[in-house]
N, C-alpha and C. Protein backbone atom coordinates (compact mmCIF):
# COMPACT_ATOMS: atom_id res chain seq x y z
N MET A 1 70.66 -19.44 -7.58
CA MET A 1 69.80 -20.11 -7.19
C MET A 1 69.52 -19.90 -5.83
N ARG A 2 70.74 -19.36 -5.69
CA ARG A 2 70.13 -17.97 -3.78
C ARG A 2 69.42 -16.83 -3.93
N TYR A 3 69.20 -16.54 -5.76
CA TYR A 3 68.33 -14.80 -5.14
C TYR A 3 66.91 -15.75 -5.99
N LEU A 4 66.69 -16.60 -6.91
CA LEU A 4 65.27 -17.38 -6.53
C LEU A 4 64.99 -17.87 -5.45
N ALA A 5 65.82 -18.38 -4.51
CA ALA A 5 65.00 -18.95 -3.28
C ALA A 5 65.03 -17.20 -2.25
N ALA A 6 65.46 -15.96 -2.35
CA ALA A 6 65.16 -14.85 -2.12
C ALA A 6 63.47 -14.51 -2.81
N ALA A 7 64.00 -14.22 -3.88
CA ALA A 7 62.32 -14.03 -4.35
C ALA A 7 61.24 -15.11 -4.72
N LEU A 8 61.79 -15.86 -4.32
CA LEU A 8 60.29 -16.44 -3.68
C LEU A 8 59.45 -16.95 -2.22
N ALA A 9 61.26 -16.68 -1.46
CA ALA A 9 60.89 -15.97 -0.17
C ALA A 9 60.05 -15.28 0.21
N ALA A 10 60.68 -13.45 -0.93
CA ALA A 10 59.49 -12.18 -1.29
C ALA A 10 58.25 -12.85 -1.21
N LEU A 11 58.02 -13.61 -2.24
CA LEU A 11 56.21 -13.67 -2.63
C LEU A 11 56.03 -14.68 -1.42
N THR A 12 56.37 -15.40 -0.92
CA THR A 12 56.09 -15.75 0.11
C THR A 12 55.56 -15.21 1.14
N ALA A 13 56.33 -14.15 1.27
CA ALA A 13 56.06 -13.24 2.65
C ALA A 13 54.65 -12.20 1.83
N VAL A 14 54.48 -11.96 0.76
CA VAL A 14 53.36 -11.21 0.48
C VAL A 14 51.68 -12.05 0.74
N LEU A 15 52.34 -13.25 -0.41
CA LEU A 15 50.97 -14.66 0.27
C LEU A 15 50.33 -14.71 2.01
N TYR A 16 51.66 -14.27 2.33
CA TYR A 16 52.00 -14.27 4.32
C TYR A 16 50.47 -13.30 4.93
N TYR A 17 51.37 -11.83 3.98
CA TYR A 17 51.01 -10.75 4.30
C TYR A 17 49.46 -10.93 4.23
N LEU A 18 48.80 -11.03 2.96
CA LEU A 18 47.45 -11.39 2.50
C LEU A 18 46.48 -12.04 2.56
N ILE A 19 47.20 -12.49 4.14
CA ILE A 19 46.60 -13.99 4.64
C ILE A 19 46.30 -13.08 5.32
N GLY A 20 47.23 -12.49 6.73
CA GLY A 20 46.91 -11.87 7.85
C GLY A 20 45.75 -11.19 7.72
N LEU A 21 45.50 -10.26 6.33
CA LEU A 21 44.43 -9.17 6.07
C LEU A 21 43.54 -9.88 5.55
N GLU A 22 43.79 -11.50 5.24
CA GLU A 22 41.89 -11.82 4.87
C GLU A 22 42.10 -11.60 4.25
N VAL A 23 42.36 -11.61 2.81
CA VAL A 23 42.59 -11.07 1.29
C VAL A 23 42.57 -12.28 0.16
N LEU A 24 43.71 -13.37 1.41
CA LEU A 24 43.75 -14.64 1.00
C LEU A 24 43.02 -15.82 1.35
N TRP A 25 42.19 -16.43 1.41
CA TRP A 25 41.18 -17.19 2.58
C TRP A 25 41.91 -18.55 2.98
N VAL A 26 42.42 -19.37 3.99
CA VAL A 26 43.04 -20.73 4.46
C VAL A 26 42.40 -21.09 5.25
N GLY A 27 40.60 -20.63 5.52
CA GLY A 27 39.99 -21.81 6.14
C GLY A 27 39.63 -21.10 7.34
N ASP A 28 38.58 -21.71 8.02
CA ASP A 28 38.38 -21.31 9.38
C ASP A 28 38.57 -22.11 10.66
N SER A 29 38.80 -21.39 11.82
CA SER A 29 38.85 -22.36 12.61
C SER A 29 37.91 -23.27 13.61
N THR A 30 38.23 -24.16 13.43
CA THR A 30 36.76 -25.28 13.85
C THR A 30 36.53 -25.29 15.28
N GLY A 31 36.67 -24.63 15.83
CA GLY A 31 36.08 -24.31 17.51
C GLY A 31 35.66 -22.80 17.35
N GLY A 32 35.63 -22.02 15.87
CA GLY A 32 34.94 -21.03 15.72
C GLY A 32 35.36 -19.99 16.22
N GLU A 33 36.22 -19.70 17.02
CA GLU A 33 36.96 -18.28 17.29
C GLU A 33 37.48 -17.59 16.37
N ASP A 34 37.43 -16.63 16.54
CA ASP A 34 38.15 -15.95 15.82
C ASP A 34 40.25 -16.25 15.57
N PRO A 35 40.26 -17.16 14.35
CA PRO A 35 41.70 -17.47 14.17
C PRO A 35 43.02 -16.24 14.91
N GLY A 36 42.36 -14.98 14.66
CA GLY A 36 43.27 -13.60 14.80
C GLY A 36 44.50 -13.83 13.43
N LEU A 37 44.48 -13.86 12.17
CA LEU A 37 45.59 -14.11 11.29
C LEU A 37 45.83 -12.99 10.89
N LEU A 38 45.95 -11.51 11.32
CA LEU A 38 47.00 -10.42 11.46
C LEU A 38 48.01 -10.96 11.50
N GLY A 39 48.00 -10.92 13.04
CA GLY A 39 49.29 -11.13 13.68
C GLY A 39 50.41 -12.62 13.55
N PHE A 40 48.96 -13.53 13.29
CA PHE A 40 49.99 -14.15 12.80
C PHE A 40 50.37 -14.54 11.13
N GLY A 41 49.69 -13.24 10.40
CA GLY A 41 50.60 -12.99 8.54
C GLY A 41 51.67 -11.98 8.59
N LEU A 42 51.17 -11.35 9.85
CA LEU A 42 52.73 -10.85 10.48
C LEU A 42 53.66 -11.16 10.22
N VAL A 43 53.64 -11.50 11.17
CA VAL A 43 54.49 -11.76 11.79
C VAL A 43 55.70 -13.49 10.91
N VAL A 44 54.77 -14.52 10.56
CA VAL A 44 55.10 -15.30 9.32
C VAL A 44 55.31 -14.71 7.92
N GLY A 45 54.87 -13.17 7.63
CA GLY A 45 55.53 -13.13 6.50
C GLY A 45 57.08 -11.74 6.80
N THR A 46 56.58 -11.30 7.97
CA THR A 46 58.16 -10.92 8.03
C THR A 46 59.02 -11.47 8.55
N ALA A 47 59.47 -12.77 8.50
CA ALA A 47 60.31 -13.86 8.21
C ALA A 47 60.75 -14.05 7.82
N PHE A 48 59.51 -13.77 5.89
CA PHE A 48 59.84 -14.59 4.79
C PHE A 48 60.25 -13.12 4.62
N LEU A 49 60.95 -11.85 4.63
CA LEU A 49 60.86 -10.80 4.15
C LEU A 49 62.09 -11.18 4.54
N VAL A 50 62.16 -10.97 5.84
CA VAL A 50 63.86 -10.57 6.07
C VAL A 50 64.53 -12.07 5.40
N THR A 51 63.85 -13.45 5.82
CA THR A 51 64.78 -13.82 5.21
C THR A 51 65.55 -13.81 3.50
N ALA A 52 64.67 -13.48 2.88
CA ALA A 52 64.38 -12.84 1.75
C ALA A 52 65.87 -11.33 1.48
N ALA A 53 65.70 -10.60 2.02
CA ALA A 53 66.95 -9.55 2.06
C ALA A 53 68.20 -10.35 2.61
N LEU A 54 67.87 -11.24 3.58
CA LEU A 54 68.88 -12.47 3.72
C LEU A 54 70.04 -13.33 3.42
N LEU A 55 69.37 -13.34 2.03
CA LEU A 55 69.58 -14.87 1.03
C LEU A 55 70.10 -13.62 0.04
N VAL A 56 69.65 -11.78 -0.14
CA VAL A 56 70.22 -11.31 -1.34
C VAL A 56 71.44 -10.98 -0.66
N LEU A 57 71.29 -10.41 0.56
CA LEU A 57 72.68 -9.47 1.21
C LEU A 57 73.91 -10.15 1.36
N THR A 58 73.66 -11.82 1.73
CA THR A 58 75.02 -12.34 1.97
C THR A 58 74.67 -14.28 1.62
N GLU A 59 76.14 -14.55 1.39
CA GLU A 59 76.49 -15.82 1.83
C GLU A 59 76.30 -16.56 2.49
N ARG A 60 76.54 -15.92 3.74
CA ARG A 60 76.69 -17.14 4.49
C ARG A 60 75.56 -18.71 4.62
N ARG A 61 77.14 -19.07 5.25
CA ARG A 61 76.42 -20.75 4.91
C ARG A 61 74.76 -20.95 6.54
N TRP A 62 74.92 -20.03 7.62
CA TRP A 62 74.20 -20.37 9.04
C TRP A 62 72.37 -19.26 7.68
N VAL A 63 72.76 -18.73 6.89
CA VAL A 63 71.63 -17.89 6.26
C VAL A 63 70.83 -19.20 5.72
N LEU A 64 71.49 -19.92 5.09
CA LEU A 64 71.21 -20.71 4.38
C LEU A 64 70.54 -22.08 4.95
N VAL A 65 71.09 -22.00 6.34
CA VAL A 65 70.48 -23.78 7.34
C VAL A 65 69.23 -22.19 7.69
N ALA A 66 69.29 -21.62 8.22
CA ALA A 66 67.58 -20.41 8.58
C ALA A 66 66.63 -21.13 7.87
N ALA A 67 67.21 -20.09 6.11
CA ALA A 67 65.91 -20.23 5.60
C ALA A 67 65.40 -21.97 6.03
N GLY A 68 66.19 -22.54 5.67
CA GLY A 68 65.71 -23.96 5.40
C GLY A 68 64.73 -24.03 6.25
N LEU A 69 65.64 -24.20 7.99
CA LEU A 69 64.50 -24.53 9.01
C LEU A 69 63.61 -23.40 9.29
N LEU A 70 63.33 -22.51 8.91
CA LEU A 70 62.01 -22.16 8.66
C LEU A 70 61.22 -22.25 7.56
N GLN A 71 61.44 -22.96 6.78
CA GLN A 71 60.94 -23.61 5.49
C GLN A 71 60.09 -25.34 6.03
N VAL A 72 60.89 -25.65 7.55
CA VAL A 72 60.90 -26.47 7.63
C VAL A 72 58.91 -26.76 9.10
N ILE A 73 59.81 -25.72 9.73
CA ILE A 73 58.66 -25.68 10.63
C ILE A 73 57.62 -25.21 10.13
N VAL A 74 57.42 -24.26 8.92
CA VAL A 74 56.05 -24.00 9.01
C VAL A 74 54.93 -24.40 8.43
N LEU A 75 56.18 -25.83 7.25
CA LEU A 75 55.05 -26.99 7.08
C LEU A 75 54.86 -27.61 7.68
N VAL A 76 55.63 -28.49 8.60
CA VAL A 76 55.56 -28.79 9.68
C VAL A 76 53.86 -28.44 10.27
N GLY A 77 54.41 -27.10 10.27
CA GLY A 77 53.23 -26.36 11.70
C GLY A 77 51.45 -26.51 10.96
N TYR A 78 52.24 -26.43 9.62
CA TYR A 78 50.74 -25.83 8.46
C TYR A 78 50.49 -27.51 8.64
N VAL A 79 50.79 -28.76 8.69
CA VAL A 79 50.12 -30.54 8.37
C VAL A 79 49.49 -30.55 10.61
N ALA A 80 50.82 -29.59 10.81
CA ALA A 80 50.28 -29.65 12.44
C ALA A 80 48.81 -29.37 12.81
N ALA A 81 48.47 -28.38 12.50
CA ALA A 81 47.75 -27.72 12.93
C ALA A 81 45.88 -28.07 11.53
N ALA A 82 46.55 -28.75 11.04
CA ALA A 82 45.46 -28.94 9.40
C ALA A 82 44.05 -29.24 10.28
N GLY A 83 44.12 -29.97 11.87
CA GLY A 83 42.64 -30.60 13.11
C GLY A 83 41.82 -29.41 13.08
N ILE A 84 42.64 -28.27 13.38
CA ILE A 84 41.96 -27.07 13.77
C ILE A 84 41.81 -26.19 12.53
N ARG A 85 41.96 -25.75 11.25
CA ARG A 85 40.58 -25.53 10.12
C ARG A 85 39.73 -26.52 9.41
N ASP A 86 38.99 -26.16 9.24
CA ASP A 86 38.42 -26.02 7.87
C ASP A 86 38.14 -25.34 7.19
N PRO A 87 38.25 -25.94 6.02
CA PRO A 87 39.03 -27.14 5.40
C PRO A 87 40.47 -27.07 6.18
N SER A 88 40.55 -28.62 6.20
CA SER A 88 41.67 -29.19 6.53
C SER A 88 42.72 -28.29 5.84
N PHE A 89 42.89 -28.34 4.27
CA PHE A 89 44.28 -27.97 4.08
C PHE A 89 43.39 -26.82 2.50
N ALA A 90 43.22 -25.96 2.63
CA ALA A 90 42.62 -24.99 1.95
C ALA A 90 43.56 -24.82 0.80
N PRO A 91 43.11 -23.78 -0.75
CA PRO A 91 43.82 -23.63 -2.01
C PRO A 91 44.55 -23.39 -1.71
N TRP A 92 44.71 -21.76 -0.86
CA TRP A 92 45.49 -20.83 -0.75
C TRP A 92 46.37 -21.18 0.44
N GLY A 93 46.61 -22.28 0.68
CA GLY A 93 47.28 -22.32 2.17
C GLY A 93 48.36 -23.44 1.49
N LEU A 94 47.84 -24.18 0.47
CA LEU A 94 48.50 -25.14 0.03
C LEU A 94 49.78 -24.36 -1.05
N VAL A 95 48.76 -23.20 -1.89
CA VAL A 95 49.36 -22.25 -3.12
C VAL A 95 50.65 -21.50 -2.09
N VAL A 96 50.49 -20.69 -0.82
CA VAL A 96 51.75 -20.40 -0.27
C VAL A 96 53.12 -21.82 -0.10
N LYS A 97 52.21 -23.07 0.33
CA LYS A 97 53.71 -24.32 -0.07
C LYS A 97 54.45 -24.25 -0.56
N ALA A 98 54.06 -24.12 -2.02
CA ALA A 98 54.47 -24.54 -3.06
C ALA A 98 55.85 -23.89 -3.29
N PRO A 99 55.95 -21.99 -3.07
CA PRO A 99 57.07 -21.66 -2.47
C PRO A 99 57.33 -22.18 -1.83
N GLN A 100 56.99 -21.87 -0.07
CA GLN A 100 58.00 -22.87 0.46
C GLN A 100 58.84 -24.07 0.29
N LEU A 101 58.12 -25.39 -0.32
CA LEU A 101 58.89 -26.42 -0.79
C LEU A 101 60.04 -26.04 -1.75
N LEU A 102 59.91 -25.38 -2.61
CA LEU A 102 60.94 -24.89 -3.78
C LEU A 102 62.41 -24.19 -2.70
N ILE A 103 61.31 -23.06 -1.69
CA ILE A 103 63.44 -22.93 -1.67
C ILE A 103 63.78 -23.43 -0.69
N LEU A 104 63.13 -24.97 0.37
CA LEU A 104 63.63 -25.97 0.89
C LEU A 104 64.30 -26.27 0.70
N LEU A 105 64.40 -27.05 -1.24
CA LEU A 105 65.14 -27.37 -1.98
C LEU A 105 65.87 -26.92 -2.80
N ILE A 106 65.77 -25.52 -2.36
CA ILE A 106 66.61 -24.99 -2.99
C ILE A 106 67.95 -24.33 -1.85
N VAL A 107 67.63 -23.93 -1.33
CA VAL A 107 68.44 -24.11 0.32
C VAL A 107 69.10 -25.60 0.23
N ALA A 108 68.54 -26.09 0.14
CA ALA A 108 69.34 -27.88 0.85
C ALA A 108 70.22 -28.41 -0.44
N TYR A 109 70.30 -28.13 -1.90
CA TYR A 109 71.06 -27.88 -3.23
C TYR A 109 72.61 -27.07 -2.93
N LEU A 110 72.32 -25.22 -2.57
CA LEU A 110 73.53 -24.52 -1.95
C LEU A 110 73.69 -25.16 -0.62
N LEU A 111 73.09 -25.93 0.54
CA LEU A 111 74.95 -26.05 1.45
C LEU A 111 74.81 -27.46 1.73
N VAL A 112 74.42 -28.43 0.20
CA VAL A 112 75.16 -29.57 -0.40
C VAL A 112 76.23 -29.26 -1.28
N ARG A 113 75.98 -28.60 -2.25
CA ARG A 113 76.66 -28.27 -3.17
C ARG A 113 77.83 -27.83 -2.79
N HIS A 114 77.81 -26.11 -1.72
CA HIS A 114 78.99 -25.35 -1.42
C HIS A 114 79.40 -25.93 0.42
N ALA A 115 79.34 -27.50 0.57
CA ALA A 115 79.52 -28.15 1.66
C ALA A 115 81.05 -27.74 1.53
N PRO A 116 81.54 -27.24 3.14
CA PRO A 116 83.13 -27.40 2.95
C PRO A 116 83.86 -28.42 3.31
N SER A 117 85.01 -28.29 2.12
CA SER A 117 85.81 -30.14 2.27
C SER A 117 86.06 -30.16 3.62
N ARG A 118 85.90 -31.02 4.12
CA ARG A 118 87.16 -31.84 5.36
C ARG A 118 87.81 -32.02 5.64
N THR A 119 88.55 -31.85 4.36
CA THR A 119 90.32 -31.62 4.53
C THR A 119 91.37 -30.47 4.08
N SER A 120 90.10 -29.66 4.34
CA SER A 120 90.84 -28.05 3.37
C SER A 120 90.08 -27.16 4.86
N HIS A 121 89.80 -28.02 6.45
CA HIS A 121 89.54 -26.89 7.46
C HIS A 121 89.78 -27.93 8.33
N GLY A 122 90.01 -27.48 9.31
CA GLY A 122 89.99 -27.95 10.71
C GLY A 122 91.39 -28.65 10.98
N ILE A 123 91.07 -29.54 11.72
CA ILE A 123 92.05 -29.89 12.40
C ILE A 123 92.76 -31.25 11.57
N GLY A 124 94.49 -31.06 11.47
CA GLY A 124 95.32 -31.71 10.15
C GLY A 124 95.08 -31.13 8.83
N ALA A 125 94.08 -30.30 8.60
CA ALA A 125 94.33 -29.23 7.26
C ALA A 125 95.67 -29.14 6.81
N ALA A 126 96.22 -28.72 5.68
CA ALA A 126 97.39 -28.32 5.74
C ALA A 126 97.55 -27.00 5.86
N SER A 127 98.84 -26.24 6.66
CA SER A 127 98.43 -24.47 6.00
C SER A 127 99.51 -24.43 5.07
């Protein structure tokens, strides 16, 4: 499952790079100014590429938590910024959310499935 999340993160990175290069259209600014998608696409795409690499290279719990937080931040940011885009929810903007939602579900599953036992660690644990 971790590798599936990594593959989805890599796919998401490519989609964000294409948004940044304006190959994929995600709407126009309602204020009429240039939204500057290159910087946005590079930053967010790179965050997803790093996430993909970390998911492949390590099984650390903090990576799963960070991957989940990245999904929540980007998904909430997308909805919060709907009022400054026309249309509010463009097709490519929604398409890129599908792998992000799947990543969130996968990392949540992995975090719950591999949660440390309260009795095997910490205070009062048998040695």
